[in-house]
């Protein structure tokens, strides 16, 4: 599962780089050789559920209410998320990439193996 946040600084170039990183990052085990971090999602024939998540940009340093000013405006974020999904589908295949409904309230479940959670940030 990918939780995707689009910031006010993100561009199509950033989205392209992150889509490439998602498709090539070696996160999976080579089960034949029992070695961790050897295969990417393509090599294990994996699939992705990509969920837009503006709340990833919540700032909570001041006060008691989250500040979402670093989250991109909805219409721009929607376009960049759509572009991101298009790139993932081109790389992995249409049937390997699912997404939620942009801006909708959804219930998603995640079983986190390992647990492994990795943050990819366009600014790093």
PDB file of N, CA and C in Angstrom:
ATOM      1  N   UNK A   1       0.845  -1.174   0.000  1.00  0.00           N
ATOM      2  CA  UNK A   1       0.000   0.000   0.000  1.00  0.00           C
ATOM      3  C   UNK A   1       0.889   1.235   0.000  1.00  0.00           C
ATOM      4  N   UNK A   2       0.554   2.151  -0.880  1.00  0.00           N
ATOM      5  CA  UNK A   2       1.231   3.448  -0.911  1.00  0.00           C
ATOM      6  C   UNK A   2       0.271   4.501  -0.387  1.00  0.00           C
ATOM      7  N   UNK A   3       0.717   5.261   0.582  1.00  0.00           N
ATOM      8  CA  UNK A   3      -0.021   6.440   1.022  1.00  0.00           C
ATOM      9  C   UNK A   3       0.686   7.622   0.381  1.00  0.00           C
ATOM     10  N   UNK A   4      -0.001   8.312  -0.507  1.00  0.00           N
ATOM     11  CA  UNK A   4       0.622   9.330  -1.354  1.00  0.00           C
ATOM     12  C   UNK A   4       0.146  10.719  -0.951  1.00  0.00           C
ATOM     13  N   UNK A   5       1.098  11.540  -0.521  1.00  0.00           N
ATOM     14  CA  UNK A   5       0.819  12.930  -0.208  1.00  0.00           C
ATOM     15  C   UNK A   5       1.511  13.821  -1.222  1.00  0.00           C
ATOM     16  N   UNK A   6       0.819  14.827  -1.693  1.00  0.00           N
ATOM     17  CA  UNK A   6       1.381  15.777  -2.656  1.00  0.00           C
ATOM     18  C   UNK A   6       1.554  17.115  -1.937  1.00  0.00           C
ATOM     19  N   UNK A   7       2.790  17.625  -1.946  1.00  0.00           N
ATOM     20  CA  UNK A   7       3.057  18.895  -1.260  1.00  0.00           C
ATOM     21  C   UNK A   7       2.940  20.067  -2.227  1.00  0.00           C
ATOM     22  N   UNK A   8       2.955  21.248  -1.669  1.00  0.00           N
ATOM     23  CA  UNK A   8       2.878  22.465  -2.477  1.00  0.00           C
ATOM     24  C   UNK A   8       4.106  22.636  -3.367  1.00  0.00           C
ATOM     25  N   UNK A   9       5.190  21.938  -3.066  1.00  0.00           N
ATOM     26  CA  UNK A   9       6.415  22.047  -3.861  1.00  0.00           C
ATOM     27  C   UNK A   9       6.537  20.987  -4.949  1.00  0.00           C
ATOM     28  N   UNK A  10       5.683  19.971  -4.939  1.00  0.00           N
ATOM     29  CA  UNK A  10       5.830  18.853  -5.869  1.00  0.00           C
ATOM     30  C   UNK A  10       5.470  19.238  -7.298  1.00  0.00           C
ATOM     31  N   UNK A  11       6.224  18.661  -8.238  1.00  0.00           N
ATOM     32  CA  UNK A  11       6.041  18.907  -9.667  1.00  0.00           C
ATOM     33  C   UNK A  11       5.897  17.566 -10.387  1.00  0.00           C
ATOM     34  N   UNK A  12       5.606  17.611 -11.686  1.00  0.00           N
ATOM     35  CA  UNK A  12       5.556  16.378 -12.478  1.00  0.00           C
ATOM     36  C   UNK A  12       6.908  15.680 -12.477  1.00  0.00           C
ATOM     37  N   UNK A  13       8.000  16.438 -12.461  1.00  0.00           N
ATOM     38  CA  UNK A  13       9.337  15.831 -12.375  1.00  0.00           C
ATOM     39  C   UNK A  13       9.490  15.033 -11.088  1.00  0.00           C
ATOM     40  N   UNK A  14       9.049  15.599  -9.976  1.00  0.00           N
ATOM     41  CA  UNK A  14       9.113  14.899  -8.689  1.00  0.00           C
ATOM     42  C   UNK A  14       8.293  13.616  -8.733  1.00  0.00           C
ATOM     43  N   UNK A  15       7.098  13.715  -9.280  1.00  0.00           N
ATOM     44  CA  UNK A  15       6.202  12.561  -9.364  1.00  0.00           C
ATOM     45  C   UNK A  15       6.829  11.471 -10.231  1.00  0.00           C
ATOM     46  N   UNK A  16       7.454  11.862 -11.328  1.00  0.00           N
ATOM     47  CA  UNK A  16       8.109  10.895 -12.214  1.00  0.00           C
ATOM     48  C   UNK A  16       9.235  10.174 -11.485  1.00  0.00           C
ATOM     49  N   UNK A  17      10.056  10.924 -10.773  1.00  0.00           N
ATOM     50  CA  UNK A  17      11.165  10.315 -10.025  1.00  0.00           C
ATOM     51  C   UNK A  17      10.653   9.355  -8.961  1.00  0.00           C
ATOM     52  N   UNK A  18       9.604   9.747  -8.243  1.00  0.00           N
ATOM     53  CA  UNK A  18       9.071   8.886  -7.191  1.00  0.00           C
ATOM     54  C   UNK A  18       8.398   7.642  -7.764  1.00  0.00           C
ATOM     55  N   UNK A  19       7.707   7.768  -8.882  1.00  0.00           N
ATOM     56  CA  UNK A  19       7.096   6.588  -9.511  1.00  0.00           C
ATOM     57  C   UNK A  19       8.178   5.600  -9.927  1.00  0.00           C
ATOM     58  N   UNK A  20       9.260   6.111 -10.491  1.00  0.00           N
ATOM     59  CA  UNK A  20      10.377   5.252 -10.870  1.00  0.00           C
ATOM     60  C   UNK A  20      10.984   4.581  -9.639  1.00  0.00           C
ATOM     61  N   UNK A  21      11.145   5.342  -8.577  1.00  0.00           N
ATOM     62  CA  UNK A  21      11.715   4.796  -7.339  1.00  0.00           C
ATOM     63  C   UNK A  21      10.826   3.691  -6.775  1.00  0.00           C
ATOM     64  N   UNK A  22       9.522   3.922  -6.759  1.00  0.00           N
ATOM     65  CA  UNK A  22       8.588   2.912  -6.248  1.00  0.00           C
ATOM     66  C   UNK A  22       8.718   1.609  -7.036  1.00  0.00           C
ATOM     67  N   UNK A  23       8.876   1.722  -8.344  1.00  0.00           N
ATOM     68  CA  UNK A  23       8.926   0.525  -9.195  1.00  0.00           C
ATOM     69  C   UNK A  23      10.272  -0.187  -9.162  1.00  0.00           C
ATOM     70  N   UNK A  24      11.319   0.487  -8.741  1.00  0.00           N
ATOM     71  CA  UNK A  24      12.656  -0.124  -8.782  1.00  0.00           C
ATOM     72  C   UNK A  24      13.280  -0.378  -7.414  1.00  0.00           C
ATOM     73  N   UNK A  25      12.708   0.171  -6.361  1.00  0.00           N
ATOM     74  CA  UNK A  25      13.271   0.010  -5.023  1.00  0.00           C
ATOM     75  C   UNK A  25      13.205  -1.456  -4.593  1.00  0.00           C
ATOM     76  N   UNK A  26      14.318  -1.965  -4.122  1.00  0.00           N
ATOM     77  CA  UNK A  26      14.404  -3.376  -3.726  1.00  0.00           C
ATOM     78  C   UNK A  26      13.942  -3.541  -2.283  1.00  0.00           C
ATOM     79  N   UNK A  27      12.688  -3.901  -2.153  1.00  0.00           N
ATOM     80  CA  UNK A  27      12.059  -4.039  -0.843  1.00  0.00           C
ATOM     81  C   UNK A  27      11.752  -5.486  -0.483  1.00  0.00           C
ATOM     82  N   UNK A  28      11.904  -6.377  -1.437  1.00  0.00           N
ATOM     83  CA  UNK A  28      11.409  -7.735  -1.258  1.00  0.00           C
ATOM     84  C   UNK A  28      12.530  -8.761  -1.193  1.00  0.00           C
ATOM     85  N   UNK A  29      12.195  -9.866  -0.577  1.00  0.00           N
ATOM     86  CA  UNK A  29      13.138 -10.956  -0.357  1.00  0.00           C
ATOM     87  C   UNK A  29      13.312 -11.795  -1.625  1.00  0.00           C
ATOM     88  N   UNK A  30      14.538 -12.263  -1.835  1.00  0.00           N
ATOM     89  CA  UNK A  30      14.812 -13.294  -2.830  1.00  0.00           C
ATOM     90  C   UNK A  30      14.634 -14.615  -2.092  1.00  0.00           C
ATOM     91  N   UNK A  31      13.470 -15.213  -2.237  1.00  0.00           N
ATOM     92  CA  UNK A  31      13.128 -16.397  -1.449  1.00  0.00           C
ATOM     93  C   UNK A  31      14.008 -17.599  -1.771  1.00  0.00           C
ATOM     94  N   UNK A  32      14.485 -17.705  -3.010  1.00  0.00           N
ATOM     95  CA  UNK A  32      15.350 -18.835  -3.377  1.00  0.00           C
ATOM     96  C   UNK A  32      16.665 -18.799  -2.610  1.00  0.00           C
ATOM     97  N   UNK A  33      17.210 -17.611  -2.426  1.00  0.00           N
ATOM     98  CA  UNK A  33      18.496 -17.459  -1.738  1.00  0.00           C
ATOM     99  C   UNK A  33      18.342 -16.964  -0.304  1.00  0.00           C
ATOM    100  N   UNK A  34      17.097 -16.786   0.127  1.00  0.00           N
ATOM    101  CA  UNK A  34      16.805 -16.316   1.481  1.00  0.00           C
ATOM    102  C   UNK A  34      17.563 -15.025   1.815  1.00  0.00           C
ATOM    103  N   UNK A  35      17.516 -14.062   0.872  1.00  0.00           N
ATOM    104  CA  UNK A  35      18.194 -12.780   1.058  1.00  0.00           C
ATOM    105  C   UNK A  35      17.168 -11.650   1.025  1.00  0.00           C
ATOM    106  N   UNK A  36      17.266 -10.777   2.013  1.00  0.00           N
ATOM    107  CA  UNK A  36      16.368  -9.628   2.089  1.00  0.00           C
ATOM    108  C   UNK A  36      16.822  -8.508   1.157  1.00  0.00           C
ATOM    109  N   UNK A  37      15.875  -7.642   0.786  1.00  0.00           N
ATOM    110  CA  UNK A  37      16.160  -6.416   0.033  1.00  0.00           C
ATOM    111  C   UNK A  37      16.818  -6.695  -1.320  1.00  0.00           C
ATOM    112  N   UNK A  38      16.380  -7.728  -2.011  1.00  0.00           N
ATOM    113  CA  UNK A  38      17.004  -8.120  -3.278  1.00  0.00           C
ATOM    114  C   UNK A  38      16.123  -7.891  -4.502  1.00  0.00           C
ATOM    115  N   UNK A  39      14.800  -7.816  -4.318  1.00  0.00           N
ATOM    116  CA  UNK A  39      13.924  -7.732  -5.487  1.00  0.00           C
ATOM    117  C   UNK A  39      12.977  -6.539  -5.385  1.00  0.00           C
ATOM    118  N   UNK A  40      12.642  -6.000  -6.556  1.00  0.00           N
ATOM    119  CA  UNK A  40      11.678  -4.902  -6.595  1.00  0.00           C
ATOM    120  C   UNK A  40      10.277  -5.446  -6.881  1.00  0.00           C
ATOM    121  N   UNK A  41       9.316  -4.579  -6.898  1.00  0.00           N
ATOM    122  CA  UNK A  41       7.925  -5.008  -7.042  1.00  0.00           C
ATOM    123  C   UNK A  41       7.663  -5.694  -8.379  1.00  0.00           C
ATOM    124  N   UNK A  42       8.356  -5.281  -9.434  1.00  0.00           N
ATOM    125  CA  UNK A  42       8.209  -5.942 -10.732  1.00  0.00           C
ATOM    126  C   UNK A  42       8.706  -7.376 -10.660  1.00  0.00           C
ATOM    127  N   UNK A  43       9.855  -7.561 -10.020  1.00  0.00           N
ATOM    128  CA  UNK A  43      10.489  -8.879  -9.969  1.00  0.00           C
ATOM    129  C   UNK A  43       9.698  -9.894  -9.148  1.00  0.00           C
ATOM    130  N   UNK A  44       8.878  -9.426  -8.220  1.00  0.00           N
ATOM    131  CA  UNK A  44       8.058 -10.347  -7.430  1.00  0.00           C
ATOM    132  C   UNK A  44       6.615 -10.393  -7.950  1.00  0.00           C
ATOM    133  N   UNK A  45       6.369  -9.737  -9.086  1.00  0.00           N
ATOM    134  CA  UNK A  45       5.042  -9.681  -9.689  1.00  0.00           C
ATOM    135  C   UNK A  45       4.016  -9.146  -8.686  1.00  0.00           C
ATOM    136  N   UNK A  46       4.426  -8.108  -7.959  1.00  0.00           N
ATOM    137  CA  UNK A  46       3.576  -7.529  -6.926  1.00  0.00           C
ATOM    138  C   UNK A  46       2.582  -6.528  -7.479  1.00  0.00           C
ATOM    139  N   UNK A  47       1.712  -6.088  -6.613  1.00  0.00           N
ATOM    140  CA  UNK A  47       0.716  -5.088  -6.988  1.00  0.00           C
ATOM    141  C   UNK A  47       0.685  -3.977  -5.935  1.00  0.00           C
ATOM    142  N   UNK A  48       0.050  -2.882  -6.297  1.00  0.00           N
ATOM    143  CA  UNK A  48       0.035  -1.682  -5.454  1.00  0.00           C
ATOM    144  C   UNK A  48      -1.393  -1.187  -5.274  1.00  0.00           C
ATOM    145  N   UNK A  49      -1.708  -0.803  -4.052  1.00  0.00           N
ATOM    146  CA  UNK A  49      -2.892  -0.002  -3.768  1.00  0.00           C
ATOM    147  C   UNK A  49      -2.370   1.379  -3.400  1.00  0.00           C
ATOM    148  N   UNK A  50      -2.686   2.367  -4.214  1.00  0.00           N
ATOM    149  CA  UNK A  50      -2.216   3.734  -4.002  1.00  0.00           C
ATOM    150  C   UNK A  50      -3.380   4.586  -3.498  1.00  0.00           C
ATOM    151  N   UNK A  51      -3.190   5.185  -2.320  1.00  0.00           N
ATOM    152  CA  UNK A  51      -4.251   5.971  -1.689  1.00  0.00           C
ATOM    153  C   UNK A  51      -3.742   7.392  -1.453  1.00  0.00           C
ATOM    154  N   UNK A  52      -4.433   8.367  -2.015  1.00  0.00           N
ATOM    155  CA  UNK A  52      -4.046   9.766  -1.781  1.00  0.00           C
ATOM    156  C   UNK A  52      -4.310  10.109  -0.317  1.00  0.00           C
ATOM    157  N   UNK A  53      -3.372  10.858   0.282  1.00  0.00           N
ATOM    158  CA  UNK A  53      -3.427  11.072   1.732  1.00  0.00           C
ATOM    159  C   UNK A  53      -2.841  12.440   2.071  1.00  0.00           C
ATOM    160  N   UNK A  54      -3.632  13.494   1.930  1.00  0.00           N
ATOM    161  CA  UNK A  54      -3.108  14.836   2.201  1.00  0.00           C
ATOM    162  C   UNK A  54      -2.684  15.004   3.657  1.00  0.00           C
ATOM    163  N   UNK A  55      -3.228  14.196   4.556  1.00  0.00           N
ATOM    164  CA  UNK A  55      -2.903  14.341   5.979  1.00  0.00           C
ATOM    165  C   UNK A  55      -1.460  13.970   6.296  1.00  0.00           C
ATOM    166  N   UNK A  56      -0.738  13.392   5.349  1.00  0.00           N
ATOM    167  CA  UNK A  56       0.687  13.128   5.553  1.00  0.00           C
ATOM    168  C   UNK A  56       1.454  14.430   5.771  1.00  0.00           C
ATOM    169  N   UNK A  57       0.902  15.527   5.303  1.00  0.00           N
ATOM    170  CA  UNK A  57       1.568  16.826   5.445  1.00  0.00           C
ATOM    171  C   UNK A  57       1.073  17.626   6.648  1.00  0.00           C
ATOM    172  N   UNK A  58       0.432  16.979   7.584  1.00  0.00           N
ATOM    173  CA  UNK A  58      -0.024  17.660   8.803  1.00  0.00           C
ATOM    174  C   UNK A  58       1.177  18.120   9.619  1.00  0.00           C
ATOM    175  N   UNK A  59       1.150  19.352  10.031  1.00  0.00           N
ATOM    176  CA  UNK A  59       2.150  19.893  10.955  1.00  0.00           C
ATOM    177  C   UNK A  59       1.448  20.103  12.287  1.00  0.00           C
ATOM    178  N   UNK A  60       2.087  19.646  13.352  1.00  0.00           N
ATOM    179  CA  UNK A  60       1.441  19.705  14.669  1.00  0.00           C
ATOM    180  C   UNK A  60       2.304  20.397  15.717  1.00  0.00           C
ATOM    181  N   UNK A  61       3.330  21.111  15.271  1.00  0.00           N
ATOM    182  CA  UNK A  61       4.250  21.751  16.208  1.00  0.00           C
ATOM    183  C   UNK A  61       3.554  22.802  17.074  1.00  0.00           C
ATOM    184  N   UNK A  62       2.698  23.607  16.449  1.00  0.00           N
ATOM    185  CA  UNK A  62       2.024  24.684  17.182  1.00  0.00           C
ATOM    186  C   UNK A  62       0.562  24.320  17.407  1.00  0.00           C
ATOM    187  N   UNK A  63       0.090  24.611  18.586  1.00  0.00           N
ATOM    188  CA  UNK A  63      -1.327  24.447  18.885  1.00  0.00           C
ATOM    189  C   UNK A  63      -1.777  22.997  18.954  1.00  0.00           C
ATOM    190  N   UNK A  64      -3.087  22.827  18.876  1.00  0.00           N
ATOM    191  CA  UNK A  64      -3.676  21.499  19.008  1.00  0.00           C
ATOM    192  C   UNK A  64      -4.445  21.068  17.765  1.00  0.00           C
ATOM    193  N   UNK A  65      -4.388  21.887  16.722  1.00  0.00           N
ATOM    194  CA  UNK A  65      -5.077  21.568  15.476  1.00  0.00           C
ATOM    195  C   UNK A  65      -4.031  21.359  14.382  1.00  0.00           C
ATOM    196  N   UNK A  66      -4.133  20.263  13.601  1.00  0.00           N
ATOM    197  CA  UNK A  66      -3.158  20.047  12.525  1.00  0.00           C
ATOM    198  C   UNK A  66      -3.211  21.169  11.489  1.00  0.00           C
ATOM    199  N   UNK A  67      -2.055  21.515  10.966  1.00  0.00           N
ATOM    200  CA  UNK A  67      -1.915  22.531   9.927  1.00  0.00           C
ATOM    201  C   UNK A  67      -1.555  21.807   8.627  1.00  0.00           C
ATOM    202  N   UNK A  68      -2.371  21.995   7.590  1.00  0.00           N
ATOM    203  CA  UNK A  68      -2.168  21.296   6.318  1.00  0.00           C
ATOM    204  C   UNK A  68      -1.698  22.232   5.204  1.00  0.00           C
ATOM    205  N   UNK A  69      -1.065  23.347   5.542  1.00  0.00           N
ATOM    206  CA  UNK A  69      -0.654  24.321   4.537  1.00  0.00           C
ATOM    207  C   UNK A  69       0.370  23.779   3.542  1.00  0.00           C
ATOM    208  N   UNK A  70       1.134  22.756   3.918  1.00  0.00           N
ATOM    209  CA  UNK A  70       2.121  22.179   2.987  1.00  0.00           C
ATOM    210  C   UNK A  70       1.482  21.191   2.019  1.00  0.00           C
ATOM    211  N   UNK A  71       0.238  20.783   2.273  1.00  0.00           N
ATOM    212  CA  UNK A  71      -0.471  19.885   1.357  1.00  0.00           C
ATOM    213  C   UNK A  71      -0.951  20.699   0.150  1.00  0.00           C
ATOM    214  N   UNK A  72      -0.783  20.123  -1.026  1.00  0.00           N
ATOM    215  CA  UNK A  72      -1.164  20.803  -2.266  1.00  0.00           C
ATOM    216  C   UNK A  72      -2.683  20.999  -2.342  1.00  0.00           C
ATOM    217  N   UNK A  73      -3.115  22.034  -3.038  1.00  0.00           N
ATOM    218  CA  UNK A  73      -4.544  22.272  -3.280  1.00  0.00           C
ATOM    219  C   UNK A  73      -5.136  21.058  -4.004  1.00  0.00           C
ATOM    220  N   UNK A  74      -6.387  20.760  -3.691  1.00  0.00           N
ATOM    221  CA  UNK A  74      -7.040  19.551  -4.181  1.00  0.00           C
ATOM    222  C   UNK A  74      -6.963  19.318  -5.673  1.00  0.00           C
ATOM    223  N   UNK A  75      -7.300  20.318  -6.483  1.00  0.00           N
ATOM    224  CA  UNK A  75      -7.339  20.108  -7.938  1.00  0.00           C
ATOM    225  C   UNK A  75      -5.946  19.842  -8.510  1.00  0.00           C
ATOM    226  N   UNK A  76      -4.926  20.467  -7.965  1.00  0.00           N
ATOM    227  CA  UNK A  76      -3.553  20.232  -8.431  1.00  0.00           C
ATOM    228  C   UNK A  76      -3.073  18.867  -7.951  1.00  0.00           C
ATOM    229  N   UNK A  77      -3.340  18.555  -6.687  1.00  0.00           N
ATOM    230  CA  UNK A  77      -2.946  17.259  -6.135  1.00  0.00           C
ATOM    231  C   UNK A  77      -3.624  16.121  -6.896  1.00  0.00           C
ATOM    232  N   UNK A  78      -4.881  16.299  -7.254  1.00  0.00           N
ATOM    233  CA  UNK A  78      -5.601  15.256  -7.999  1.00  0.00           C
ATOM    234  C   UNK A  78      -4.925  14.994  -9.341  1.00  0.00           C
ATOM    235  N   UNK A  79      -4.550  16.055 -10.043  1.00  0.00           N
ATOM    236  CA  UNK A  79      -3.869  15.897 -11.335  1.00  0.00           C
ATOM    237  C   UNK A  79      -2.527  15.185 -11.168  1.00  0.00           C
ATOM    238  N   UNK A  80      -1.760  15.563 -10.138  1.00  0.00           N
ATOM    239  CA  UNK A  80      -0.460  14.929  -9.915  1.00  0.00           C
ATOM    240  C   UNK A  80      -0.621  13.474  -9.473  1.00  0.00           C
ATOM    241  N   UNK A  81      -1.629  13.186  -8.667  1.00  0.00           N
ATOM    242  CA  UNK A  81      -1.897  11.794  -8.278  1.00  0.00           C
ATOM    243  C   UNK A  81      -2.288  10.962  -9.495  1.00  0.00           C
ATOM    244  N   UNK A  82      -3.103  11.514 -10.366  1.00  0.00           N
ATOM    245  CA  UNK A  82      -3.502  10.807 -11.589  1.00  0.00           C
ATOM    246  C   UNK A  82      -2.290  10.527 -12.468  1.00  0.00           C
ATOM    247  N   UNK A  83      -1.405  11.492 -12.569  1.00  0.00           N
ATOM    248  CA  UNK A  83      -0.173  11.318 -13.342  1.00  0.00           C
ATOM    249  C   UNK A  83       0.694  10.224 -12.717  1.00  0.00           C
ATOM    250  N   UNK A  84       0.820  10.227 -11.406  1.00  0.00           N
ATOM    251  CA  UNK A  84       1.574   9.206 -10.674  1.00  0.00           C
ATOM    252  C   UNK A  84       1.001   7.813 -10.962  1.00  0.00           C
ATOM    253  N   UNK A  85      -0.312   7.677 -10.884  1.00  0.00           N
ATOM    254  CA  UNK A  85      -0.955   6.391 -11.165  1.00  0.00           C
ATOM    255  C   UNK A  85      -0.712   5.948 -12.602  1.00  0.00           C
ATOM    256  N   UNK A  86      -0.778   6.882 -13.529  1.00  0.00           N
ATOM    257  CA  UNK A  86      -0.522   6.577 -14.943  1.00  0.00           C
ATOM    258  C   UNK A  86       0.883   6.008 -15.114  1.00  0.00           C
ATOM    259  N   UNK A  87       1.864   6.628 -14.476  1.00  0.00           N
ATOM    260  CA  UNK A  87       3.245   6.156 -14.575  1.00  0.00           C
ATOM    261  C   UNK A  87       3.408   4.772 -13.952  1.00  0.00           C
ATOM    262  N   UNK A  88       2.791   4.546 -12.802  1.00  0.00           N
ATOM    263  CA  UNK A  88       2.865   3.226 -12.170  1.00  0.00           C
ATOM    264  C   UNK A  88       2.253   2.160 -13.071  1.00  0.00           C
ATOM    265  N   UNK A  89       1.110   2.459 -13.653  1.00  0.00           N
ATOM    266  CA  UNK A  89       0.430   1.495 -14.527  1.00  0.00           C
ATOM    267  C   UNK A  89       1.236   1.214 -15.785  1.00  0.00           C
ATOM    268  N   UNK A  90       1.888   2.230 -16.327  1.00  0.00           N
ATOM    269  CA  UNK A  90       2.746   2.025 -17.499  1.00  0.00           C
ATOM    270  C   UNK A  90       3.908   1.103 -17.164  1.00  0.00           C
ATOM    271  N   UNK A  91       4.444   1.225 -15.975  1.00  0.00           N
ATOM    272  CA  UNK A  91       5.603   0.436 -15.572  1.00  0.00           C
ATOM    273  C   UNK A  91       5.230  -0.974 -15.115  1.00  0.00           C
ATOM    274  N   UNK A  92       4.162  -1.089 -14.343  1.00  0.00           N
ATOM    275  CA  UNK A  92       3.816  -2.370 -13.721  1.00  0.00           C
ATOM    276  C   UNK A  92       2.699  -3.121 -14.435  1.00  0.00           C
ATOM    277  N   UNK A  93       1.872  -2.400 -15.165  1.00  0.00           N
ATOM    278  CA  UNK A  93       0.702  -2.988 -15.809  1.00  0.00           C
ATOM    279  C   UNK A  93      -0.576  -2.487 -15.153  1.00  0.00           C
ATOM    280  N   UNK A  94      -1.589  -2.280 -15.978  1.00  0.00           N
ATOM    281  CA  UNK A  94      -2.880  -1.757 -15.498  1.00  0.00           C
ATOM    282  C   UNK A  94      -3.443  -2.578 -14.348  1.00  0.00           C
ATOM    283  N   UNK A  95      -3.316  -3.902 -14.448  1.00  0.00           N
ATOM    284  CA  UNK A  95      -3.920  -4.791 -13.452  1.00  0.00           C
ATOM    285  C   UNK A  95      -3.151  -4.836 -12.140  1.00  0.00           C
ATOM    286  N   UNK A  96      -1.969  -4.250 -12.100  1.00  0.00           N
ATOM    287  CA  UNK A  96      -1.124  -4.302 -10.905  1.00  0.00           C
ATOM    288  C   UNK A  96      -1.251  -3.061 -10.024  1.00  0.00           C
ATOM    289  N   UNK A  97      -2.022  -2.066 -10.461  1.00  0.00           N
ATOM    290  CA  UNK A  97      -2.139  -0.810  -9.713  1.00  0.00           C
ATOM    291  C   UNK A  97      -3.617  -0.486  -9.495  1.00  0.00           C
ATOM    292  N   UNK A  98      -3.986  -0.392  -8.232  1.00  0.00           N
ATOM    293  CA  UNK A  98      -5.345  -0.005  -7.850  1.00  0.00           C
ATOM    294  C   UNK A  98      -5.249   1.308  -7.073  1.00  0.00           C
ATOM    295  N   UNK A  99      -6.342   2.050  -7.071  1.00  0.00           N
ATOM    296  CA  UNK A  99      -6.331   3.298  -6.313  1.00  0.00           C
ATOM    297  C   UNK A  99      -7.671   3.511  -5.640  1.00  0.00           C
ATOM    298  N   UNK A 100      -7.652   4.408  -4.691  1.00  0.00           N
ATOM    299  CA  UNK A 100      -8.884   4.797  -4.024  1.00  0.00           C
ATOM    300  C   UNK A 100      -9.539   5.926  -4.795  1.00  0.00           C
ATOM    301  N   UNK A 101     -10.527   6.532  -4.199  1.00  0.00           N
ATOM    302  CA  UNK A 101     -11.214   7.670  -4.799  1.00  0.00           C
ATOM    303  C   UNK A 101     -10.602   8.933  -4.218  1.00  0.00           C
ATOM    304  N   UNK A 102     -10.047   9.775  -5.075  1.00  0.00           N
ATOM    305  CA  UNK A 102      -9.367  10.979  -4.612  1.00  0.00           C
ATOM    306  C   UNK A 102     -10.326  11.852  -3.806  1.00  0.00           C
ATOM    307  N   UNK A 103      -9.883  12.242  -2.614  1.00  0.00           N
ATOM    308  CA  UNK A 103     -10.641  13.159  -1.774  1.00  0.00           C
ATOM    309  C   UNK A 103     -11.799  12.533  -1.012  1.00  0.00           C
ATOM    310  N   UNK A 104     -12.014  11.236  -1.186  1.00  0.00           N
ATOM    311  CA  UNK A 104     -13.141  10.579  -0.513  1.00  0.00           C
ATOM    312  C   UNK A 104     -12.712  10.017   0.839  1.00  0.00           C
ATOM    313  N   UNK A 105     -13.674   9.875   1.728  1.00  0.00           N
ATOM    314  CA  UNK A 105     -13.449   9.179   2.990  1.00  0.00           C
ATOM    315  C   UNK A 105     -13.496   7.689   2.672  1.00  0.00           C
ATOM    316  N   UNK A 106     -12.444   6.964   3.032  1.00  0.00           N
ATOM    317  CA  UNK A 106     -12.373   5.538   2.723  1.00  0.00           C
ATOM    318  C   UNK A 106     -11.898   4.769   3.940  1.00  0.00           C
ATOM    319  N   UNK A 107     -12.215   3.497   3.969  1.00  0.00           N
ATOM    320  CA  UNK A 107     -11.687   2.580   4.979  1.00  0.00           C
ATOM    321  C   UNK A 107     -10.718   1.647   4.277  1.00  0.00           C
ATOM    322  N   UNK A 108      -9.468   1.665   4.704  1.00  0.00           N
ATOM    323  CA  UNK A 108      -8.434   0.818   4.117  1.00  0.00           C
ATOM    324  C   UNK A 108      -7.786   0.014   5.230  1.00  0.00           C
ATOM    325  N   UNK A 109      -7.436  -1.216   4.923  1.00  0.00           N
ATOM    326  CA  UNK A 109      -6.725  -2.061   5.887  1.00  0.00           C
ATOM    327  C   UNK A 109      -5.334  -2.342   5.360  1.00  0.00           C
ATOM    328  N   UNK A 110      -4.391  -2.445   6.277  1.00  0.00           N
ATOM    329  CA  UNK A 110      -3.005  -2.697   5.919  1.00  0.00           C
ATOM    330  C   UNK A 110      -2.432  -3.738   6.867  1.00  0.00           C
ATOM    331  N   UNK A 111      -1.854  -4.779   6.297  1.00  0.00           N
ATOM    332  CA  UNK A 111      -1.066  -5.722   7.080  1.00  0.00           C
ATOM    333  C   UNK A 111       0.377  -5.406   6.761  1.00  0.00           C
ATOM    334  N   UNK A 112       1.094  -4.909   7.735  1.00  0.00           N
ATOM    335  CA  UNK A 112       2.453  -4.426   7.530  1.00  0.00           C
ATOM    336  C   UNK A 112       3.440  -5.522   7.909  1.00  0.00           C
ATOM    337  N   UNK A 113       4.043  -6.168   6.911  1.00  0.00           N
ATOM    338  CA  UNK A 113       4.992  -7.246   7.173  1.00  0.00           C
ATOM    339  C   UNK A 113       6.320  -6.679   7.618  1.00  0.00           C
ATOM    340  N   UNK A 114       6.894  -7.286   8.601  1.00  0.00           N
ATOM    341  CA  UNK A 114       8.230  -6.887   9.053  1.00  0.00           C
ATOM    342  C   UNK A 114       8.239  -6.328  10.451  1.00  0.00           C
ATOM    343  N   UNK A 115       7.654  -5.231  10.748  1.00  0.00           N
ATOM    344  CA  UNK A 115       7.015  -4.281   9.841  1.00  0.00           C
ATOM    345  C   UNK A 115       8.043  -3.437   9.085  1.00  0.00           C
ATOM    346  N   UNK A 116       7.738  -3.178   7.852  1.00  0.00           N
ATOM    347  CA  UNK A 116       8.577  -2.318   7.025  1.00  0.00           C
ATOM    348  C   UNK A 116       7.725  -1.161   6.521  1.00  0.00           C
ATOM    349  N   UNK A 117       8.128   0.044   6.851  1.00  0.00           N
ATOM    350  CA  UNK A 117       7.482   1.247   6.350  1.00  0.00           C
ATOM    351  C   UNK A 117       8.593   2.185   5.906  1.00  0.00           C
ATOM    352  N   UNK A 118       8.523   2.619   4.655  1.00  0.00           N
ATOM    353  CA  UNK A 118       9.588   3.461   4.105  1.00  0.00           C
ATOM    354  C   UNK A 118       8.978   4.761   3.592  1.00  0.00           C
ATOM    355  N   UNK A 119       9.578   5.868   3.974  1.00  0.00           N
ATOM    356  CA  UNK A 119       9.139   7.186   3.539  1.00  0.00           C
ATOM    357  C   UNK A 119       9.971   7.609   2.334  1.00  0.00           C
ATOM    358  N   UNK A 120       9.297   7.908   1.232  1.00  0.00           N
ATOM    359  CA  UNK A 120       9.953   8.483   0.060  1.00  0.00           C
ATOM    360  C   UNK A 120       9.493   9.926  -0.036  1.00  0.00           C
ATOM    361  N   UNK A 121      10.432  10.846  -0.012  1.00  0.00           N
ATOM    362  CA  UNK A 121      10.114  12.269  -0.014  1.00  0.00           C
ATOM    363  C   UNK A 121      10.765  12.914  -1.229  1.00  0.00           C
ATOM    364  N   UNK A 122       9.983  13.632  -2.007  1.00  0.00           N
ATOM    365  CA  UNK A 122      10.511  14.265  -3.219  1.00  0.00           C
ATOM    366  C   UNK A 122      11.588  15.294  -2.915  1.00  0.00           C
ATOM    367  N   UNK A 123      11.637  15.784  -1.686  1.00  0.00           N
ATOM    368  CA  UNK A 123      12.627  16.800  -1.331  1.00  0.00           C
ATOM    369  C   UNK A 123      13.922  16.198  -0.803  1.00  0.00           C
ATOM    370  N   UNK A 124      14.001  14.885  -0.752  1.00  0.00           N
ATOM    371  CA  UNK A 124      15.228  14.246  -0.249  1.00  0.00           C
ATOM    372  C   UNK A 124      15.936  13.493  -1.350  1.00  0.00           C
TER     373      UNK A 124
END
